[in-house]
Amino acid sequence: MGTGTAVLVRLHSTYWSIPASSDSQVLAAVSGGSTPTGACEPGGGCGVAAADFVARRPGSAKVTAGRRSCGEAMRCPPGQGSYTVTVEVTG
């Protein structure tokens, strides 16, 4: 992707941490937060953890987020507690 491109990350549970960039010089966060949505059973995690980024310069950055719980008092099974995507900015 080129510089100036927007990258939107939406993780559908409020149990996720806010997505973060490993290199803000390459991929800078412009907004982020966690928003509960609608009527939800207690412990349901209904909502979205989100962040918007903009590609600033050529390079590589990882967007990561994590969670310890996958439901009320439920530990996440292997492979479901972390989110990582690599973004390549070409110029």
Protein backbone atom coordinates (compact mmCIF):
# COMPACT_ATOMS: atom_id res chain seq x y z
CA MET A 1 0.00 0.00 0.00
CA GLY A 2 1.09 3.58 -0.52
CA THR A 3 1.72 6.37 1.93
CA GLY A 4 -1.44 8.16 2.98
CA THR A 5 -3.52 4.96 2.86
CA ALA A 6 -5.95 4.45 5.76
CA VAL A 7 -5.95 1.14 7.63
CA LEU A 8 -9.02 0.39 9.75
CA VAL A 9 -8.91 -2.44 12.31
CA ARG A 10 -12.13 -3.65 13.97
CA LEU A 11 -12.06 -6.57 16.43
CA HIS A 12 -15.54 -7.69 17.39
CA SER A 13 -15.33 -8.04 21.16
CA THR A 14 -14.58 -5.58 23.93
CA TYR A 15 -12.25 -8.18 25.46
CA TRP A 16 -9.58 -7.19 22.91
CA SER A 17 -7.02 -4.51 23.75
CA ILE A 18 -6.98 -1.50 21.44
CA PRO A 19 -4.99 -2.43 18.31
CA ALA A 20 -1.52 -0.82 18.27
CA SER A 21 1.21 -0.28 15.68
CA SER A 22 4.76 -1.54 16.26
CA ASP A 23 6.21 1.44 14.36
CA SER A 24 4.34 4.74 14.47
CA GLN A 25 6.76 6.25 11.93
CA VAL A 26 5.50 3.74 9.32
CA LEU A 27 1.89 3.25 10.50
CA ALA A 28 0.53 5.94 12.81
CA ALA A 29 -2.62 5.59 14.92
CA VAL A 30 -5.08 8.43 14.38
CA SER A 31 -7.87 7.14 16.64
CA GLY A 32 -8.81 4.14 18.71
CA GLY A 33 -11.02 2.88 21.47
CA SER A 34 -13.42 0.25 22.69
CA THR A 35 -17.16 0.68 22.22
CA PRO A 36 -19.82 -1.57 23.77
CA THR A 37 -22.81 -2.13 21.49
CA GLY A 38 -26.46 -2.89 22.10
CA ALA A 39 -27.98 -5.00 24.82
CA CYS A 40 -25.52 -7.61 25.94
CA GLU A 41 -25.58 -10.34 28.56
CA PRO A 42 -23.12 -9.68 31.40
CA GLY A 43 -19.68 -10.96 30.41
CA GLY A 44 -20.62 -11.14 26.74
CA GLY A 45 -18.01 -8.64 25.54
CA CYS A 46 -20.44 -7.25 22.96
CA GLY A 47 -18.87 -4.40 21.08
CA VAL A 48 -15.80 -3.44 19.12
CA ALA A 49 -12.16 -2.68 19.91
CA ALA A 50 -10.99 -0.48 17.04
CA ALA A 51 -8.15 1.64 15.75
CA ASP A 52 -7.63 3.72 12.63
CA PHE A 53 -4.13 4.13 11.21
CA VAL A 54 -2.53 6.02 8.34
CA ALA A 55 0.51 4.84 6.37
CA ARG A 56 3.19 7.51 6.86
CA ARG A 57 6.33 6.24 5.11
CA PRO A 58 7.72 3.12 3.43
CA GLY A 59 8.50 0.23 5.73
CA SER A 60 6.87 -2.55 7.70
CA ALA A 61 4.79 -2.38 10.88
CA LYS A 62 2.78 -4.94 12.82
CA VAL A 63 -0.66 -4.19 14.21
CA THR A 64 -1.27 -6.21 17.38
CA ALA A 65 -3.96 -6.71 19.99
CA GLY A 66 -4.49 -9.24 22.74
CA ARG A 67 -7.06 -10.59 25.13
CA ARG A 68 -6.90 -12.86 28.17
CA SER A 69 -10.57 -13.71 28.27
CA CYS A 70 -12.79 -15.02 25.48
CA GLY A 71 -15.98 -14.75 27.52
CA GLU A 72 -17.05 -14.32 31.11
CA ALA A 73 -14.39 -16.12 33.17
CA MET A 74 -13.29 -18.10 30.08
CA ARG A 75 -9.63 -18.26 29.16
CA CYS A 76 -8.93 -18.10 25.45
CA PRO A 77 -8.04 -21.36 23.72
CA PRO A 78 -4.62 -21.49 22.00
CA GLY A 79 -4.46 -19.21 18.97
CA GLN A 80 -7.44 -17.05 19.99
CA GLY A 81 -5.81 -14.65 22.46
CA SER A 82 -3.72 -12.59 20.07
CA TYR A 83 -4.17 -10.71 16.82
CA THR A 84 -1.27 -9.72 14.56
CA VAL A 85 -1.18 -8.43 10.99
CA THR A 86 1.86 -7.11 9.14
CA VAL A 87 1.39 -3.98 7.04
CA GLU A 88 3.87 -3.18 4.25
CA VAL A 89 3.99 0.44 3.08
CA THR A 90 5.70 0.87 -0.28
CA GLY A 91 5.63 4.58 -0.86
